[in-house]
Amino acid sequence: MDYEYNDDQLVQMIREESSEAKDIIFDKYKYIIDIEVKKYINMASILGYDYNDLYQEALFGFADGINSYREDKNASLATFLSLCVDRRLQQTIKKAGRVKNKLMNDSLSLEHVYDTVSLPLKDLLSDNSMNDPLENIVKEEKLKELVDKIKEELSDSEYEVYSLMISGLKYNEIAMVLDKNPKQVDNTIQRLKNKIKKILDER
């Protein structure tokens, strides 16, 4: 599509409160929002954000980009908008990760399957007496004891990584949320897995 104004003119018009210019810019570069949202949608879904939530955040980043763009920047408007939207979405993901971690701070997942034993915690203490109320009470108590022990043995940083890991994030995604090097996160995961395996072996 051909446009009557170039980007610099459109940005200037927007500063003069031109709604037409805003519509033109959005129509011209809305593909940037779609691309950036697709990059983060899977991770965001795991952390409790749906597509609409993420798209709304991308729109905020897009608007911030237009408002803060200057013609003398060493970047085109499209490049600058991409950076602003990406930055906004990264901040959103990191915030969602912190909230998720806080919500999980008092419990470990009983559904998570540990690679070292190929079983979730809830199955490690199960037996064939699933319908026996007394047996179930005993198992629940043992399970709580085990979960408490695991939490006690993990350091704060290990537990932070663990909380995000059992949410379904991959190690490179955890690294982004925590602002850590992926290798650091990978090492942390290996340590906490070894600690959990040791606890399970001792039982």
C-alpha atoms as a PDB file:
ATOM      1  CA  MET A   1       0.000   0.000   0.000  1.00  0.00           C
ATOM      2  CA  ASP A   2       1.293   3.472  -0.878  1.00  0.00           C
ATOM      3  CA  TYR A   3       1.191   6.127   1.829  1.00  0.00           C
ATOM      4  CA  GLU A   4       0.926   9.868   1.270  1.00  0.00           C
ATOM      5  CA  TYR A   5       3.308  10.684   4.146  1.00  0.00           C
ATOM      6  CA  ASN A   6       6.661   9.275   5.192  1.00  0.00           C
ATOM      7  CA  ASP A   7       7.289   8.005   8.738  1.00  0.00           C
ATOM      8  CA  ASP A   8       8.861  11.193  10.049  1.00  0.00           C
ATOM      9  CA  GLN A   9       5.905  13.225   8.830  1.00  0.00           C
ATOM     10  CA  LEU A  10       3.456  10.784  10.361  1.00  0.00           C
ATOM     11  CA  VAL A  11       5.227  10.874  13.730  1.00  0.00           C
ATOM     12  CA  GLN A  12       5.144  14.661  13.680  1.00  0.00           C
ATOM     13  CA  MET A  13       1.436  14.584  12.833  1.00  0.00           C
ATOM     14  CA  ILE A  14       0.811  12.238  15.743  1.00  0.00           C
ATOM     15  CA  ARG A  15       2.493  14.715  18.074  1.00  0.00           C
ATOM     16  CA  GLU A  16      -0.003  17.237  16.760  1.00  0.00           C
ATOM     17  CA  GLU A  17      -2.816  14.879  17.792  1.00  0.00           C
ATOM     18  CA  SER A  18      -3.631  13.562  14.315  1.00  0.00           C
ATOM     19  CA  SER A  19      -5.820  10.482  14.657  1.00  0.00           C
ATOM     20  CA  GLU A  20      -5.428   9.834  10.925  1.00  0.00           C
ATOM     21  CA  ALA A  21      -1.657   9.582  11.324  1.00  0.00           C
ATOM     22  CA  LYS A  22      -2.080   7.128  14.219  1.00  0.00           C
ATOM     23  CA  ASP A  23      -4.320   4.939  12.075  1.00  0.00           C
ATOM     24  CA  ILE A  24      -1.853   5.008   9.197  1.00  0.00           C
ATOM     25  CA  ILE A  25       1.116   4.084  11.415  1.00  0.00           C
ATOM     26  CA  PHE A  26      -0.828   1.266  13.039  1.00  0.00           C
ATOM     27  CA  ASP A  27      -2.027  -0.092   9.686  1.00  0.00           C
ATOM     28  CA  LYS A  28       1.492   0.106   8.278  1.00  0.00           C
ATOM     29  CA  TYR A  29       3.315  -1.557  11.188  1.00  0.00           C
ATOM     30  CA  LYS A  30       0.754  -3.702  13.008  1.00  0.00           C
ATOM     31  CA  TYR A  31       2.575  -6.755  11.627  1.00  0.00           C
ATOM     32  CA  ILE A  32       5.312  -5.979  14.168  1.00  0.00           C
ATOM     33  CA  ILE A  33       2.857  -6.577  17.016  1.00  0.00           C
ATOM     34  CA  ASP A  34       1.766  -9.903  15.526  1.00  0.00           C
ATOM     35  CA  ILE A  35       5.357 -11.082  15.123  1.00  0.00           C
ATOM     36  CA  GLU A  36       6.411 -10.084  18.634  1.00  0.00           C
ATOM     37  CA  VAL A  37       3.326 -11.562  20.307  1.00  0.00           C
ATOM     38  CA  LYS A  38       3.907 -14.914  18.571  1.00  0.00           C
ATOM     39  CA  LYS A  39       7.435 -14.986  20.000  1.00  0.00           C
ATOM     40  CA  TYR A  40       6.165 -14.918  23.569  1.00  0.00           C
ATOM     41  CA  ILE A  41       2.669 -16.408  23.494  1.00  0.00           C
ATOM     42  CA  ASN A  42       3.646 -19.933  24.613  1.00  0.00           C
ATOM     43  CA  MET A  43       5.704 -18.699  27.543  1.00  0.00           C
ATOM     44  CA  ALA A  44       3.037 -16.153  28.480  1.00  0.00           C
ATOM     45  CA  SER A  45       0.314 -18.819  28.455  1.00  0.00           C
ATOM     46  CA  ILE A  46       2.292 -20.943  30.903  1.00  0.00           C
ATOM     47  CA  LEU A  47       2.628 -17.942  33.191  1.00  0.00           C
ATOM     48  CA  GLY A  48      -1.075 -17.086  33.069  1.00  0.00           C
ATOM     49  CA  TYR A  49      -1.296 -14.533  30.254  1.00  0.00           C
ATOM     50  CA  ASP A  50      -3.600 -15.231  27.313  1.00  0.00           C
ATOM     51  CA  TYR A  51      -3.292 -13.862  23.773  1.00  0.00           C
ATOM     52  CA  ASN A  52      -5.452 -10.806  24.444  1.00  0.00           C
ATOM     53  CA  ASP A  53      -3.443  -9.858  27.539  1.00  0.00           C
ATOM     54  CA  LEU A  54      -0.192 -10.105  25.622  1.00  0.00           C
ATOM     55  CA  TYR A  55      -1.559  -8.243  22.612  1.00  0.00           C
ATOM     56  CA  GLN A  56      -2.692  -5.403  24.880  1.00  0.00           C
ATOM     57  CA  GLU A  57       0.801  -5.132  26.347  1.00  0.00           C
ATOM     58  CA  ALA A  58       2.246  -5.103  22.829  1.00  0.00           C
ATOM     59  CA  LEU A  59      -0.064  -2.213  21.942  1.00  0.00           C
ATOM     60  CA  PHE A  60       1.264  -0.263  24.925  1.00  0.00           C
ATOM     61  CA  GLY A  61       4.807  -0.892  23.748  1.00  0.00           C
ATOM     62  CA  PHE A  62       3.849   0.159  20.217  1.00  0.00           C
ATOM     63  CA  ALA A  63       2.342   3.421  21.487  1.00  0.00           C
ATOM     64  CA  ASP A  64       5.377   4.104  23.676  1.00  0.00           C
ATOM     65  CA  GLY A  65       7.582   3.582  20.639  1.00  0.00           C
ATOM     66  CA  ILE A  66       5.695   6.120  18.564  1.00  0.00           C
ATOM     67  CA  ASN A  67       5.691   8.690  21.363  1.00  0.00           C
ATOM     68  CA  SER A  68       9.402   8.349  22.131  1.00  0.00           C
ATOM     69  CA  TYR A  69      10.704   8.026  18.570  1.00  0.00           C
ATOM     70  CA  ARG A  70      12.956  10.796  17.338  1.00  0.00           C
ATOM     71  CA  GLU A  71      13.946  11.347  13.741  1.00  0.00           C
ATOM     72  CA  ASP A  72      17.615  11.639  14.669  1.00  0.00           C
ATOM     73  CA  LYS A  73      17.725   8.130  16.164  1.00  0.00           C
ATOM     74  CA  ASN A  74      20.052   5.678  14.438  1.00  0.00           C
ATOM     75  CA  ALA A  75      17.159   3.371  13.635  1.00  0.00           C
ATOM     76  CA  SER A  76      14.163   3.320  11.374  1.00  0.00           C
ATOM     77  CA  LEU A  77      10.709   3.681  12.891  1.00  0.00           C
ATOM     78  CA  ALA A  78       9.967   0.004  12.206  1.00  0.00           C
ATOM     79  CA  THR A  79      13.146  -1.121  13.984  1.00  0.00           C
ATOM     80  CA  PHE A  80      12.488   1.180  16.925  1.00  0.00           C
ATOM     81  CA  LEU A  81       8.873   0.001  17.244  1.00  0.00           C
ATOM     82  CA  SER A  82      10.053  -3.618  17.220  1.00  0.00           C
ATOM     83  CA  LEU A  83      12.505  -2.891  20.031  1.00  0.00           C
ATOM     84  CA  CYS A  84       9.876  -1.104  22.109  1.00  0.00           C
ATOM     85  CA  VAL A  85       7.267  -3.826  21.692  1.00  0.00           C
ATOM     86  CA  ASP A  86       9.806  -6.551  22.414  1.00  0.00           C
ATOM     87  CA  ARG A  87      11.017  -4.727  25.543  1.00  0.00           C
ATOM     88  CA  ARG A  88       7.458  -4.299  26.796  1.00  0.00           C
ATOM     89  CA  LEU A  89       6.673  -7.981  26.293  1.00  0.00           C
ATOM     90  CA  GLN A  90       9.871  -9.053  28.013  1.00  0.00           C
ATOM     91  CA  GLN A  91       8.985  -6.909  31.020  1.00  0.00           C
ATOM     92  CA  THR A  92       5.501  -8.448  31.042  1.00  0.00           C
ATOM     93  CA  ILE A  93       6.910 -11.983  30.962  1.00  0.00           C
ATOM     94  CA  LYS A  94       9.361 -11.224  33.762  1.00  0.00           C
ATOM     95  CA  LYS A  95       6.626  -9.717  35.911  1.00  0.00           C
ATOM     96  CA  ALA A  96       4.359 -12.717  35.264  1.00  0.00           C
ATOM     97  CA  GLY A  97       7.228 -15.007  36.225  1.00  0.00           C
ATOM     98  CA  ARG A  98       7.723 -13.233  39.536  1.00  0.00           C
ATOM     99  CA  VAL A  99       3.996 -13.421  40.294  1.00  0.00           C
ATOM    100  CA  LYS A 100       3.874 -17.091  39.352  1.00  0.00           C
ATOM    101  CA  ASN A 101       6.873 -17.812  41.522  1.00  0.00           C
ATOM    102  CA  LYS A 102       5.291 -15.996  44.464  1.00  0.00           C
ATOM    103  CA  LEU A 103       2.062 -17.968  44.120  1.00  0.00           C
ATOM    104  CA  MET A 104       4.007 -21.212  44.126  1.00  0.00           C
ATOM    105  CA  ASN A 105       6.247 -20.203  46.991  1.00  0.00           C
ATOM    106  CA  ASP A 106       4.463 -22.381  49.523  1.00  0.00           C
ATOM    107  CA  SER A 107       4.213 -25.600  47.533  1.00  0.00           C
ATOM    108  CA  LEU A 108       6.043 -27.898  45.190  1.00  0.00           C
ATOM    109  CA  SER A 109       4.199 -29.568  42.364  1.00  0.00           C
ATOM    110  CA  LEU A 110       3.001 -33.061  43.058  1.00  0.00           C
ATOM    111  CA  GLU A 111       2.422 -33.593  39.340  1.00  0.00           C
ATOM    112  CA  HIS A 112       5.935 -32.794  38.122  1.00  0.00           C
ATOM    113  CA  VAL A 113       7.704 -35.865  36.749  1.00  0.00           C
ATOM    114  CA  TYR A 114      11.317 -36.022  37.879  1.00  0.00           C
ATOM    115  CA  ASP A 115      13.659 -37.198  35.130  1.00  0.00           C
ATOM    116  CA  THR A 116      15.840 -39.004  37.649  1.00  0.00           C
ATOM    117  CA  VAL A 117      13.049 -41.368  38.709  1.00  0.00           C
ATOM    118  CA  SER A 118      10.512 -40.897  35.881  1.00  0.00           C
ATOM    119  CA  LEU A 119       7.649 -40.518  38.355  1.00  0.00           C
ATOM    120  CA  PRO A 120       5.700 -37.632  39.837  1.00  0.00           C
ATOM    121  CA  LEU A 121       5.964 -37.154  43.596  1.00  0.00           C
ATOM    122  CA  LYS A 122       2.373 -38.214  44.139  1.00  0.00           C
ATOM    123  CA  ASP A 123       3.129 -41.634  42.610  1.00  0.00           C
ATOM    124  CA  LEU A 124       6.334 -42.158  44.545  1.00  0.00           C
ATOM    125  CA  LEU A 125       4.340 -42.715  47.725  1.00  0.00           C
ATOM    126  CA  SER A 126       1.334 -44.429  46.193  1.00  0.00           C
ATOM    127  CA  ASP A 127       0.383 -48.062  46.514  1.00  0.00           C
ATOM    128  CA  ASN A 128      -2.548 -50.252  45.635  1.00  0.00           C
ATOM    129  CA  SER A 129      -4.663 -49.089  48.578  1.00  0.00           C
ATOM    130  CA  MET A 130      -6.034 -46.017  46.866  1.00  0.00           C
ATOM    131  CA  ASN A 131      -9.540 -46.571  48.180  1.00  0.00           C
ATOM    132  CA  ASP A 132      -8.526 -47.029  51.806  1.00  0.00           C
ATOM    133  CA  PRO A 133      -9.185 -43.724  53.676  1.00  0.00           C
ATOM    134  CA  LEU A 134      -6.652 -44.517  56.400  1.00  0.00           C
ATOM    135  CA  GLU A 135      -3.987 -45.377  53.873  1.00  0.00           C
ATOM    136  CA  ASN A 136      -4.728 -42.189  51.974  1.00  0.00           C
ATOM    137  CA  ILE A 137      -4.316 -40.089  55.113  1.00  0.00           C
ATOM    138  CA  VAL A 138      -0.954 -41.707  55.824  1.00  0.00           C
ATOM    139  CA  LYS A 139       0.172 -41.124  52.242  1.00  0.00           C
ATOM    140  CA  GLU A 140      -0.906 -37.492  52.350  1.00  0.00           C
ATOM    141  CA  GLU A 141       1.101 -36.989  55.527  1.00  0.00           C
ATOM    142  CA  LYS A 142       4.153 -38.664  54.022  1.00  0.00           C
ATOM    143  CA  LEU A 143       3.766 -36.639  50.867  1.00  0.00           C
ATOM    144  CA  LYS A 144       3.598 -33.364  52.778  1.00  0.00           C
ATOM    145  CA  GLU A 145       6.662 -34.403  54.747  1.00  0.00           C
ATOM    146  CA  LEU A 146       8.515 -35.147  51.526  1.00  0.00           C
ATOM    147  CA  VAL A 147       7.497 -31.857  49.905  1.00  0.00           C
ATOM    148  CA  ASP A 148       8.576 -29.936  53.015  1.00  0.00           C
ATOM    149  CA  LYS A 149      11.917 -31.741  52.994  1.00  0.00           C
ATOM    150  CA  ILE A 150      12.533 -30.899  49.354  1.00  0.00           C
ATOM    151  CA  LYS A 151      11.705 -27.252  49.918  1.00  0.00           C
ATOM    152  CA  GLU A 152      13.986 -27.186  52.953  1.00  0.00           C
ATOM    153  CA  GLU A 153      16.913 -28.634  50.994  1.00  0.00           C
ATOM    154  CA  LEU A 154      16.664 -26.264  48.025  1.00  0.00           C
ATOM    155  CA  SER A 155      18.358 -22.873  48.225  1.00  0.00           C
ATOM    156  CA  ASP A 156      16.305 -19.774  47.459  1.00  0.00           C
ATOM    157  CA  SER A 157      17.756 -19.527  43.950  1.00  0.00           C
ATOM    158  CA  GLU A 158      17.189 -23.236  43.304  1.00  0.00           C
ATOM    159  CA  TYR A 159      13.605 -23.002  44.508  1.00  0.00           C
ATOM    160  CA  GLU A 160      12.997 -19.945  42.316  1.00  0.00           C
ATOM    161  CA  VAL A 161      14.217 -21.854  39.276  1.00  0.00           C
ATOM    162  CA  TYR A 162      12.304 -24.959  40.322  1.00  0.00           C
ATOM    163  CA  SER A 163       9.037 -23.048  40.657  1.00  0.00           C
ATOM    164  CA  LEU A 164       9.311 -21.801  37.087  1.00  0.00           C
ATOM    165  CA  MET A 165      10.502 -25.166  35.801  1.00  0.00           C
ATOM    166  CA  ILE A 166       7.455 -27.009  37.132  1.00  0.00           C
ATOM    167  CA  SER A 167       5.300 -24.301  35.559  1.00  0.00           C
ATOM    168  CA  GLY A 168       6.498 -25.616  32.220  1.00  0.00           C
ATOM    169  CA  LEU A 169       9.169 -23.103  31.242  1.00  0.00           C
ATOM    170  CA  LYS A 170      12.331 -24.259  29.487  1.00  0.00           C
ATOM    171  CA  TYR A 171      15.712 -23.358  30.929  1.00  0.00           C
ATOM    172  CA  ASN A 172      16.327 -20.566  28.397  1.00  0.00           C
ATOM    173  CA  GLU A 173      12.891 -19.116  29.162  1.00  0.00           C
ATOM    174  CA  ILE A 174      13.600 -19.291  32.883  1.00  0.00           C
ATOM    175  CA  ALA A 175      16.866 -17.468  32.210  1.00  0.00           C
ATOM    176  CA  MET A 176      14.980 -14.657  30.504  1.00  0.00           C
ATOM    177  CA  VAL A 177      12.429 -14.335  33.301  1.00  0.00           C
ATOM    178  CA  LEU A 178      15.136 -14.267  35.987  1.00  0.00           C
ATOM    179  CA  ASP A 179      17.648 -12.197  34.017  1.00  0.00           C
ATOM    180  CA  LYS A 180      20.217 -14.961  34.333  1.00  0.00           C
ATOM    181  CA  ASN A 181      22.603 -16.681  31.964  1.00  0.00           C
ATOM    182  CA  PRO A 182      21.010 -19.846  30.482  1.00  0.00           C
ATOM    183  CA  LYS A 183      24.069 -21.835  31.534  1.00  0.00           C
ATOM    184  CA  GLN A 184      23.609 -20.683  35.138  1.00  0.00           C
ATOM    185  CA  VAL A 185      19.990 -21.827  35.056  1.00  0.00           C
ATOM    186  CA  ASP A 186      20.959 -25.163  33.521  1.00  0.00           C
ATOM    187  CA  ASN A 187      23.524 -25.721  36.285  1.00  0.00           C
ATOM    188  CA  THR A 188      20.949 -24.811  38.931  1.00  0.00           C
ATOM    189  CA  ILE A 189      18.463 -27.289  37.488  1.00  0.00           C
ATOM    190  CA  GLN A 190      21.068 -30.058  37.577  1.00  0.00           C
ATOM    191  CA  ARG A 191      21.881 -29.273  41.224  1.00  0.00           C
ATOM    192  CA  LEU A 192      18.285 -29.249  42.389  1.00  0.00           C
ATOM    193  CA  LYS A 193      17.517 -32.454  40.507  1.00  0.00           C
ATOM    194  CA  ASN A 194      20.437 -34.157  42.250  1.00  0.00           C
ATOM    195  CA  LYS A 195      19.224 -32.901  45.627  1.00  0.00           C
ATOM    196  CA  ILE A 196      15.715 -34.192  44.990  1.00  0.00           C
ATOM    197  CA  LYS A 197      17.008 -37.567  43.802  1.00  0.00           C
ATOM    198  CA  LYS A 198      19.139 -37.881  46.934  1.00  0.00           C
ATOM    199  CA  ILE A 199      16.135 -37.150  49.145  1.00  0.00           C
ATOM    200  CA  LEU A 200      14.044 -39.726  47.304  1.00  0.00           C
ATOM    201  CA  ASP A 201      16.819 -42.329  47.471  1.00  0.00           C
ATOM    202  CA  GLU A 202      17.109 -41.837  51.230  1.00  0.00           C
ATOM    203  CA  ARG A 203      13.419 -42.629  51.630  1.00  0.00           C
END
